């Protein structure tokens, strides 16, 4: 499988439309890009095969589902060699919705959502801080998200 595949304008247009609305039917994308529906399907399959497209997701307003607290965790590791095992254990905590291995002071920077501050305390105290390899954490509670977007490809 060729890893040096370069996106062309058609690929970029297809991706831009799907980034804007992942539910857009391939037939509508084909009409807007001036190609056949089969071309869109083949191009998407190729980009998935190459790992350019990793799947599709649904954005959810967690607050409307009862998860009113969004927090970011700066996670200090005891040593960098524990990063894989820590990431694996963090990913098993349902409230953890993203994990980033970082440079700087933190080994990881994670985002978690909880019902309320007591739930946040329970997740931190009873789950996160019990993971072997985590030295300590710093928690920043988000008061409001003002922007959440993908980059523009065109």
N, C-alpha and C. Protein backbone atom coordinates (compact mmCIF):
# COMPACT_ATOMS: atom_id res chain seq x y z
N UNK A 1 0.85 -1.17 0.00
CA UNK A 1 0.00 0.00 0.00
C UNK A 1 0.89 1.23 0.00
N UNK A 2 0.67 2.13 -0.94
CA UNK A 2 1.49 3.33 -1.09
C UNK A 2 1.17 4.33 0.01
N UNK A 3 2.18 4.72 0.75
CA UNK A 3 2.01 5.70 1.83
C UNK A 3 2.25 7.12 1.34
N UNK A 4 2.69 7.30 0.11
CA UNK A 4 2.99 8.64 -0.39
C UNK A 4 1.82 9.23 -1.18
N UNK A 5 0.63 8.74 -0.93
CA UNK A 5 -0.57 9.23 -1.57
C UNK A 5 -0.76 10.71 -1.23
N UNK A 6 -0.95 11.53 -2.23
CA UNK A 6 -1.17 12.95 -2.01
C UNK A 6 -2.61 13.31 -2.33
N UNK A 7 -3.22 14.05 -1.43
CA UNK A 7 -4.59 14.50 -1.66
C UNK A 7 -4.62 15.49 -2.81
N UNK A 8 -5.63 15.35 -3.65
CA UNK A 8 -5.83 16.36 -4.70
C UNK A 8 -7.01 17.24 -4.31
N UNK A 9 -7.39 18.15 -5.20
CA UNK A 9 -8.48 19.08 -4.88
C UNK A 9 -9.80 18.36 -4.65
N UNK A 10 -10.05 17.28 -5.38
CA UNK A 10 -11.29 16.53 -5.20
C UNK A 10 -11.32 15.92 -3.80
N UNK A 11 -10.22 15.30 -3.38
CA UNK A 11 -10.16 14.74 -2.02
C UNK A 11 -10.39 15.82 -0.98
N UNK A 12 -9.75 16.96 -1.14
CA UNK A 12 -9.88 18.05 -0.17
C UNK A 12 -11.32 18.57 -0.10
N UNK A 13 -11.97 18.68 -1.26
CA UNK A 13 -13.36 19.14 -1.28
C UNK A 13 -14.27 18.12 -0.59
N UNK A 14 -14.04 16.85 -0.86
CA UNK A 14 -14.83 15.79 -0.22
C UNK A 14 -14.66 15.87 1.30
N UNK A 15 -13.42 15.95 1.75
CA UNK A 15 -13.15 16.03 3.19
C UNK A 15 -13.75 17.28 3.81
N UNK A 16 -13.63 18.42 3.13
CA UNK A 16 -14.16 19.67 3.67
C UNK A 16 -15.67 19.57 3.87
N UNK A 17 -16.37 18.98 2.93
CA UNK A 17 -17.82 18.83 3.05
C UNK A 17 -18.19 17.89 4.19
N UNK A 18 -17.44 16.81 4.33
CA UNK A 18 -17.75 15.85 5.40
C UNK A 18 -17.33 16.38 6.78
N UNK A 19 -16.28 17.18 6.82
CA UNK A 19 -15.89 17.80 8.09
C UNK A 19 -17.00 18.76 8.54
N UNK A 20 -17.56 19.49 7.59
CA UNK A 20 -18.63 20.43 7.92
C UNK A 20 -19.88 19.70 8.39
N UNK A 21 -20.19 18.54 7.78
CA UNK A 21 -21.36 17.76 8.16
C UNK A 21 -21.13 16.31 7.74
N UNK A 22 -20.76 15.49 8.71
CA UNK A 22 -20.42 14.09 8.44
C UNK A 22 -21.61 13.27 7.96
N UNK A 23 -22.82 13.80 8.10
CA UNK A 23 -24.01 13.07 7.66
C UNK A 23 -24.38 13.37 6.20
N UNK A 24 -23.60 14.18 5.52
CA UNK A 24 -23.89 14.51 4.13
C UNK A 24 -23.79 13.25 3.27
N UNK A 25 -24.86 12.94 2.53
CA UNK A 25 -24.81 11.74 1.66
C UNK A 25 -23.76 11.89 0.56
N UNK A 26 -23.15 10.76 0.21
CA UNK A 26 -22.13 10.77 -0.85
C UNK A 26 -22.71 11.32 -2.16
N UNK A 27 -24.00 11.08 -2.42
CA UNK A 27 -24.60 11.58 -3.67
C UNK A 27 -24.61 13.11 -3.69
N UNK A 28 -24.88 13.72 -2.54
CA UNK A 28 -24.88 15.18 -2.47
C UNK A 28 -23.46 15.73 -2.60
N UNK A 29 -22.50 15.04 -1.97
CA UNK A 29 -21.10 15.45 -2.10
C UNK A 29 -20.66 15.36 -3.56
N UNK A 30 -21.03 14.27 -4.21
CA UNK A 30 -20.67 14.08 -5.62
C UNK A 30 -21.21 15.22 -6.47
N UNK A 31 -22.46 15.61 -6.23
CA UNK A 31 -23.06 16.70 -6.99
C UNK A 31 -22.30 18.00 -6.77
N UNK A 32 -21.91 18.28 -5.53
CA UNK A 32 -21.21 19.53 -5.22
C UNK A 32 -19.77 19.55 -5.75
N UNK A 33 -19.16 18.37 -5.83
CA UNK A 33 -17.76 18.28 -6.26
C UNK A 33 -17.66 18.00 -7.77
N UNK A 34 -18.80 17.68 -8.39
CA UNK A 34 -18.88 17.39 -9.83
C UNK A 34 -18.15 16.10 -10.20
N UNK A 35 -18.39 15.07 -9.39
CA UNK A 35 -17.89 13.73 -9.69
C UNK A 35 -19.05 12.76 -9.44
N UNK A 36 -18.82 11.48 -9.72
CA UNK A 36 -19.87 10.49 -9.48
C UNK A 36 -19.88 10.07 -8.01
N UNK A 37 -21.02 9.52 -7.59
CA UNK A 37 -21.11 8.99 -6.24
C UNK A 37 -20.11 7.88 -6.00
N UNK A 38 -19.85 7.08 -7.04
CA UNK A 38 -18.86 6.01 -6.94
C UNK A 38 -17.46 6.55 -6.69
N UNK A 39 -17.16 7.68 -7.32
CA UNK A 39 -15.85 8.31 -7.11
C UNK A 39 -15.69 8.75 -5.67
N UNK A 40 -16.73 9.33 -5.10
CA UNK A 40 -16.67 9.75 -3.70
C UNK A 40 -16.46 8.53 -2.81
N UNK A 41 -17.20 7.47 -3.08
CA UNK A 41 -17.08 6.24 -2.28
C UNK A 41 -15.66 5.67 -2.37
N UNK A 42 -15.12 5.58 -3.57
CA UNK A 42 -13.77 5.03 -3.77
C UNK A 42 -12.72 5.92 -3.10
N UNK A 43 -12.86 7.23 -3.24
CA UNK A 43 -11.90 8.15 -2.63
C UNK A 43 -11.95 8.04 -1.10
N UNK A 44 -13.14 7.96 -0.54
CA UNK A 44 -13.26 7.83 0.91
C UNK A 44 -12.69 6.50 1.39
N UNK A 45 -12.96 5.43 0.67
CA UNK A 45 -12.41 4.12 1.05
C UNK A 45 -10.89 4.16 1.03
N UNK A 46 -10.32 4.81 0.04
CA UNK A 46 -8.86 4.93 -0.07
C UNK A 46 -8.30 5.75 1.10
N UNK A 47 -8.95 6.86 1.42
CA UNK A 47 -8.46 7.69 2.53
C UNK A 47 -8.61 6.98 3.87
N UNK A 48 -9.63 6.14 4.02
CA UNK A 48 -9.77 5.33 5.23
C UNK A 48 -8.67 4.28 5.30
N UNK A 49 -8.41 3.63 4.18
CA UNK A 49 -7.36 2.60 4.10
C UNK A 49 -5.99 3.17 4.46
N UNK A 50 -5.73 4.40 4.04
CA UNK A 50 -4.46 5.06 4.31
C UNK A 50 -4.38 5.66 5.71
N UNK A 51 -5.50 5.66 6.42
CA UNK A 51 -5.51 6.22 7.77
C UNK A 51 -5.68 7.74 7.80
N UNK A 52 -6.00 8.34 6.67
CA UNK A 52 -6.26 9.77 6.63
C UNK A 52 -7.60 10.06 7.30
N UNK A 53 -8.60 9.26 6.95
CA UNK A 53 -9.92 9.35 7.58
C UNK A 53 -9.98 8.23 8.61
N UNK A 54 -10.26 8.61 9.86
CA UNK A 54 -10.23 7.65 10.96
C UNK A 54 -11.62 7.20 11.39
N UNK A 55 -12.63 7.61 10.67
CA UNK A 55 -14.01 7.27 11.02
C UNK A 55 -14.82 8.54 11.10
N UNK A 56 -16.02 8.42 11.59
CA UNK A 56 -16.85 9.60 11.77
C UNK A 56 -17.36 9.63 13.20
N UNK A 57 -17.60 10.81 13.70
CA UNK A 57 -18.04 10.94 15.08
C UNK A 57 -19.28 11.81 15.13
N UNK A 58 -19.94 11.75 16.24
CA UNK A 58 -21.11 12.56 16.49
C UNK A 58 -20.79 13.51 17.62
N UNK A 59 -20.95 14.80 17.40
CA UNK A 59 -20.72 15.77 18.47
C UNK A 59 -21.94 15.81 19.36
N UNK A 60 -21.72 15.76 20.64
CA UNK A 60 -22.79 15.70 21.61
C UNK A 60 -22.63 16.85 22.61
N UNK A 61 -23.72 17.46 23.00
CA UNK A 61 -23.70 18.47 24.05
C UNK A 61 -23.81 17.72 25.37
N UNK A 62 -22.68 17.46 26.01
CA UNK A 62 -22.66 16.66 27.24
C UNK A 62 -23.48 17.30 28.35
N UNK A 63 -23.51 18.61 28.38
CA UNK A 63 -24.26 19.31 29.42
C UNK A 63 -25.75 18.96 29.34
N UNK A 64 -26.27 18.86 28.13
CA UNK A 64 -27.68 18.52 27.95
C UNK A 64 -27.97 17.06 28.31
N UNK A 65 -26.92 16.27 28.43
CA UNK A 65 -27.06 14.87 28.84
C UNK A 65 -26.80 14.69 30.33
N UNK A 66 -26.63 15.81 31.03
CA UNK A 66 -26.42 15.74 32.47
C UNK A 66 -24.98 15.78 32.92
N UNK A 67 -24.05 16.00 31.99
CA UNK A 67 -22.63 16.10 32.33
C UNK A 67 -22.24 17.57 32.26
N UNK A 68 -22.52 18.30 33.37
CA UNK A 68 -22.36 19.74 33.39
C UNK A 68 -20.97 20.25 33.68
N UNK A 69 -20.04 19.35 34.02
CA UNK A 69 -18.67 19.78 34.33
C UNK A 69 -17.71 19.19 33.31
N UNK A 70 -16.99 20.07 32.65
CA UNK A 70 -15.93 19.67 31.72
C UNK A 70 -14.63 20.16 32.32
N UNK A 71 -13.66 19.26 32.42
CA UNK A 71 -12.39 19.63 33.05
C UNK A 71 -11.21 19.11 32.24
N UNK A 72 -10.10 19.77 32.41
CA UNK A 72 -8.85 19.36 31.78
C UNK A 72 -7.90 18.94 32.89
N UNK A 73 -7.22 17.83 32.68
CA UNK A 73 -6.28 17.32 33.67
C UNK A 73 -4.87 17.38 33.13
N UNK A 74 -4.00 18.07 33.85
CA UNK A 74 -2.58 17.97 33.59
C UNK A 74 -2.08 16.82 34.44
N UNK A 75 -1.53 15.82 33.79
CA UNK A 75 -1.15 14.59 34.50
C UNK A 75 0.36 14.46 34.51
N UNK A 76 0.92 14.43 35.70
CA UNK A 76 2.35 14.24 35.88
C UNK A 76 2.61 12.74 36.03
N UNK A 77 3.56 12.23 35.26
CA UNK A 77 3.92 10.82 35.33
C UNK A 77 5.16 10.63 36.21
N UNK A 78 5.27 9.45 36.83
CA UNK A 78 6.45 9.15 37.64
C UNK A 78 7.68 9.05 36.76
N UNK A 79 7.49 8.52 35.54
CA UNK A 79 8.56 8.45 34.54
C UNK A 79 7.90 8.22 33.18
N UNK A 80 8.57 8.61 32.12
CA UNK A 80 7.97 8.53 30.78
C UNK A 80 7.72 7.10 30.33
N UNK A 81 8.43 6.15 30.87
CA UNK A 81 8.27 4.76 30.43
C UNK A 81 6.91 4.16 30.83
N UNK A 82 6.16 4.83 31.70
CA UNK A 82 4.84 4.32 32.10
C UNK A 82 3.72 4.88 31.23
N UNK A 83 4.06 5.70 30.24
CA UNK A 83 3.04 6.40 29.46
C UNK A 83 2.05 5.45 28.78
N UNK A 84 2.53 4.37 28.19
CA UNK A 84 1.60 3.46 27.50
C UNK A 84 0.62 2.81 28.46
N UNK A 85 1.11 2.35 29.60
CA UNK A 85 0.21 1.69 30.55
C UNK A 85 -0.76 2.70 31.17
N UNK A 86 -0.30 3.90 31.45
CA UNK A 86 -1.18 4.94 32.01
C UNK A 86 -2.26 5.30 30.99
N UNK A 87 -1.88 5.50 29.74
CA UNK A 87 -2.86 5.85 28.70
C UNK A 87 -3.90 4.75 28.57
N UNK A 88 -3.47 3.50 28.62
CA UNK A 88 -4.40 2.38 28.50
C UNK A 88 -5.40 2.38 29.66
N UNK A 89 -4.94 2.63 30.87
CA UNK A 89 -5.82 2.65 32.04
C UNK A 89 -6.72 3.88 32.04
N UNK A 90 -6.20 5.03 31.63
CA UNK A 90 -7.05 6.23 31.52
C UNK A 90 -8.17 6.02 30.52
N UNK A 91 -7.86 5.35 29.42
CA UNK A 91 -8.86 5.15 28.37
C UNK A 91 -10.01 4.24 28.82
N UNK A 92 -9.83 3.52 29.91
CA UNK A 92 -10.89 2.66 30.44
C UNK A 92 -11.87 3.43 31.33
N UNK A 93 -11.55 4.67 31.66
CA UNK A 93 -12.44 5.49 32.49
C UNK A 93 -13.42 6.20 31.55
N UNK A 94 -14.71 5.88 31.65
CA UNK A 94 -15.69 6.41 30.68
C UNK A 94 -15.73 7.94 30.61
N UNK A 95 -15.47 8.61 31.70
CA UNK A 95 -15.54 10.07 31.73
C UNK A 95 -14.37 10.73 31.01
N UNK A 96 -13.30 10.01 30.77
CA UNK A 96 -12.15 10.55 30.04
C UNK A 96 -12.49 10.51 28.55
N UNK A 97 -12.56 11.69 27.92
CA UNK A 97 -12.97 11.72 26.51
C UNK A 97 -11.84 12.05 25.54
N UNK A 98 -10.69 12.50 26.06
CA UNK A 98 -9.51 12.66 25.20
C UNK A 98 -8.26 12.63 26.06
N UNK A 99 -7.20 12.11 25.47
CA UNK A 99 -5.90 12.01 26.15
C UNK A 99 -4.84 12.44 25.16
N UNK A 100 -3.98 13.35 25.58
CA UNK A 100 -2.89 13.83 24.72
C UNK A 100 -1.57 13.62 25.44
N UNK A 101 -0.63 12.94 24.80
CA UNK A 101 0.73 12.79 25.30
C UNK A 101 1.44 14.08 24.92
N UNK A 102 2.01 14.78 25.89
CA UNK A 102 2.49 16.13 25.63
C UNK A 102 3.96 16.34 25.99
N UNK A 103 4.46 17.47 25.52
CA UNK A 103 5.75 17.96 25.98
C UNK A 103 5.48 18.93 27.12
N UNK A 104 6.51 19.38 27.77
CA UNK A 104 6.32 20.33 28.86
C UNK A 104 6.19 19.65 30.20
N UNK A 105 5.52 20.31 31.12
CA UNK A 105 5.42 19.82 32.48
C UNK A 105 4.61 18.53 32.62
N UNK A 106 3.55 18.42 31.86
CA UNK A 106 2.67 17.26 31.98
C UNK A 106 3.10 16.13 31.07
N UNK A 107 2.89 14.91 31.53
CA UNK A 107 3.07 13.76 30.65
C UNK A 107 1.87 13.62 29.73
N UNK A 108 0.68 13.85 30.31
CA UNK A 108 -0.57 13.80 29.55
C UNK A 108 -1.41 15.01 29.88
N UNK A 109 -2.23 15.39 28.94
CA UNK A 109 -3.25 16.39 29.15
C UNK A 109 -4.54 15.72 28.71
N UNK A 110 -5.50 15.59 29.60
CA UNK A 110 -6.72 14.86 29.30
C UNK A 110 -7.94 15.74 29.53
N UNK A 111 -9.02 15.40 28.86
CA UNK A 111 -10.29 16.07 29.09
C UNK A 111 -11.26 15.06 29.65
N UNK A 112 -12.00 15.46 30.68
CA UNK A 112 -13.02 14.59 31.25
C UNK A 112 -14.32 15.37 31.40
N UNK A 113 -15.41 14.65 31.35
CA UNK A 113 -16.72 15.25 31.60
C UNK A 113 -17.37 14.50 32.75
N UNK A 114 -18.01 15.26 33.63
CA UNK A 114 -18.66 14.68 34.81
C UNK A 114 -20.01 15.36 35.03
N UNK A 115 -20.85 14.70 35.82
CA UNK A 115 -22.18 15.24 36.10
C UNK A 115 -22.09 16.54 36.91
N UNK A 116 -21.22 16.55 37.92
CA UNK A 116 -21.08 17.69 38.81
C UNK A 116 -19.71 17.61 39.47
N UNK A 117 -19.43 18.55 40.37
CA UNK A 117 -18.10 18.58 40.98
C UNK A 117 -17.86 17.39 41.91
N UNK A 118 -18.89 16.86 42.52
CA UNK A 118 -18.72 15.66 43.36
C UNK A 118 -18.34 14.46 42.49
N UNK A 119 -18.97 14.34 41.35
CA UNK A 119 -18.63 13.28 40.40
C UNK A 119 -17.19 13.45 39.93
N UNK A 120 -16.78 14.69 39.64
CA UNK A 120 -15.41 14.98 39.24
C UNK A 120 -14.44 14.54 40.33
N UNK A 121 -14.75 14.89 41.57
CA UNK A 121 -13.91 14.50 42.70
C UNK A 121 -13.79 12.98 42.79
N UNK A 122 -14.92 12.29 42.62
CA UNK A 122 -14.91 10.82 42.70
C UNK A 122 -14.05 10.21 41.59
N UNK A 123 -14.19 10.72 40.37
CA UNK A 123 -13.40 10.20 39.25
C UNK A 123 -11.91 10.42 39.51
N UNK A 124 -11.56 11.61 39.96
CA UNK A 124 -10.15 11.92 40.24
C UNK A 124 -9.62 11.06 41.39
N UNK A 125 -10.32 11.07 42.49
CA UNK A 125 -9.86 10.40 43.71
C UNK A 125 -9.91 8.88 43.61
N UNK A 126 -10.99 8.35 43.05
CA UNK A 126 -11.21 6.90 43.07
C UNK A 126 -10.71 6.17 41.83
N UNK A 127 -10.37 6.92 40.79
CA UNK A 127 -9.92 6.25 39.57
C UNK A 127 -8.59 6.80 39.04
N UNK A 128 -8.58 8.07 38.64
CA UNK A 128 -7.40 8.63 37.99
C UNK A 128 -6.17 8.57 38.89
N UNK A 129 -6.29 9.07 40.12
CA UNK A 129 -5.12 9.18 40.99
C UNK A 129 -4.67 7.84 41.57
N UNK A 130 -5.44 6.79 41.33
CA UNK A 130 -5.02 5.45 41.77
C UNK A 130 -4.21 4.70 40.72
N UNK A 131 -4.11 5.28 39.53
CA UNK A 131 -3.37 4.62 38.45
C UNK A 131 -1.88 4.66 38.74
N UNK A 132 -1.29 3.48 38.73
CA UNK A 132 0.15 3.39 38.96
C UNK A 132 0.89 4.07 37.83
N UNK A 133 1.80 4.96 38.19
CA UNK A 133 2.56 5.72 37.20
C UNK A 133 2.15 7.18 37.16
N UNK A 134 0.98 7.50 37.75
CA UNK A 134 0.57 8.90 37.86
C UNK A 134 1.08 9.43 39.19
N UNK A 135 1.91 10.45 39.09
CA UNK A 135 2.48 11.07 40.29
C UNK A 135 1.47 12.01 40.94
N UNK A 136 0.87 12.91 40.12
CA UNK A 136 -0.13 13.84 40.61
C UNK A 136 -0.83 14.45 39.41
N UNK A 137 -1.91 15.17 39.69
CA UNK A 137 -2.67 15.82 38.62
C UNK A 137 -2.97 17.26 38.99
N UNK A 138 -3.21 18.05 37.98
CA UNK A 138 -3.72 19.41 38.15
C UNK A 138 -4.99 19.50 37.34
N UNK A 139 -6.04 20.02 37.95
CA UNK A 139 -7.35 20.07 37.30
C UNK A 139 -7.73 21.51 36.98
N UNK A 140 -8.17 21.72 35.75
CA UNK A 140 -8.68 23.01 35.32
C UNK A 140 -10.11 22.79 34.86
N UNK A 141 -11.06 23.44 35.50
CA UNK A 141 -12.46 23.28 35.12
C UNK A 141 -12.79 24.32 34.04
N UNK A 142 -13.40 23.84 32.97
CA UNK A 142 -13.81 24.73 31.88
C UNK A 142 -15.12 25.41 32.28
N UNK A 143 -15.14 26.72 32.17
CA UNK A 143 -16.36 27.46 32.48
C UNK A 143 -17.27 27.55 31.27
N UNK A 144 -16.67 27.55 30.07
CA UNK A 144 -17.46 27.64 28.84
C UNK A 144 -16.55 27.33 27.66
N UNK A 145 -17.06 26.56 26.71
CA UNK A 145 -16.33 26.30 25.47
C UNK A 145 -16.81 27.29 24.43
N UNK A 146 -15.89 28.08 23.91
CA UNK A 146 -16.25 29.10 22.92
C UNK A 146 -16.02 28.66 21.49
N UNK A 147 -15.17 27.65 21.30
CA UNK A 147 -14.86 27.22 19.94
C UNK A 147 -14.47 25.76 19.95
N UNK A 148 -14.99 25.00 19.01
CA UNK A 148 -14.61 23.60 18.81
C UNK A 148 -14.80 23.34 17.32
N UNK A 149 -13.72 23.29 16.59
CA UNK A 149 -13.84 23.15 15.13
C UNK A 149 -12.69 22.35 14.57
N UNK A 150 -12.85 21.97 13.32
CA UNK A 150 -11.78 21.34 12.55
C UNK A 150 -11.12 22.41 11.71
N UNK A 151 -9.93 22.12 11.21
CA UNK A 151 -9.25 23.09 10.34
C UNK A 151 -9.92 23.10 8.97
N UNK A 152 -9.80 24.21 8.28
CA UNK A 152 -10.33 24.33 6.93
C UNK A 152 -9.31 23.75 5.95
N UNK A 153 -9.73 22.84 5.11
CA UNK A 153 -8.82 22.21 4.17
C UNK A 153 -8.74 22.94 2.84
N UNK A 154 -9.66 23.79 2.58
CA UNK A 154 -9.67 24.52 1.29
C UNK A 154 -9.38 25.98 1.49
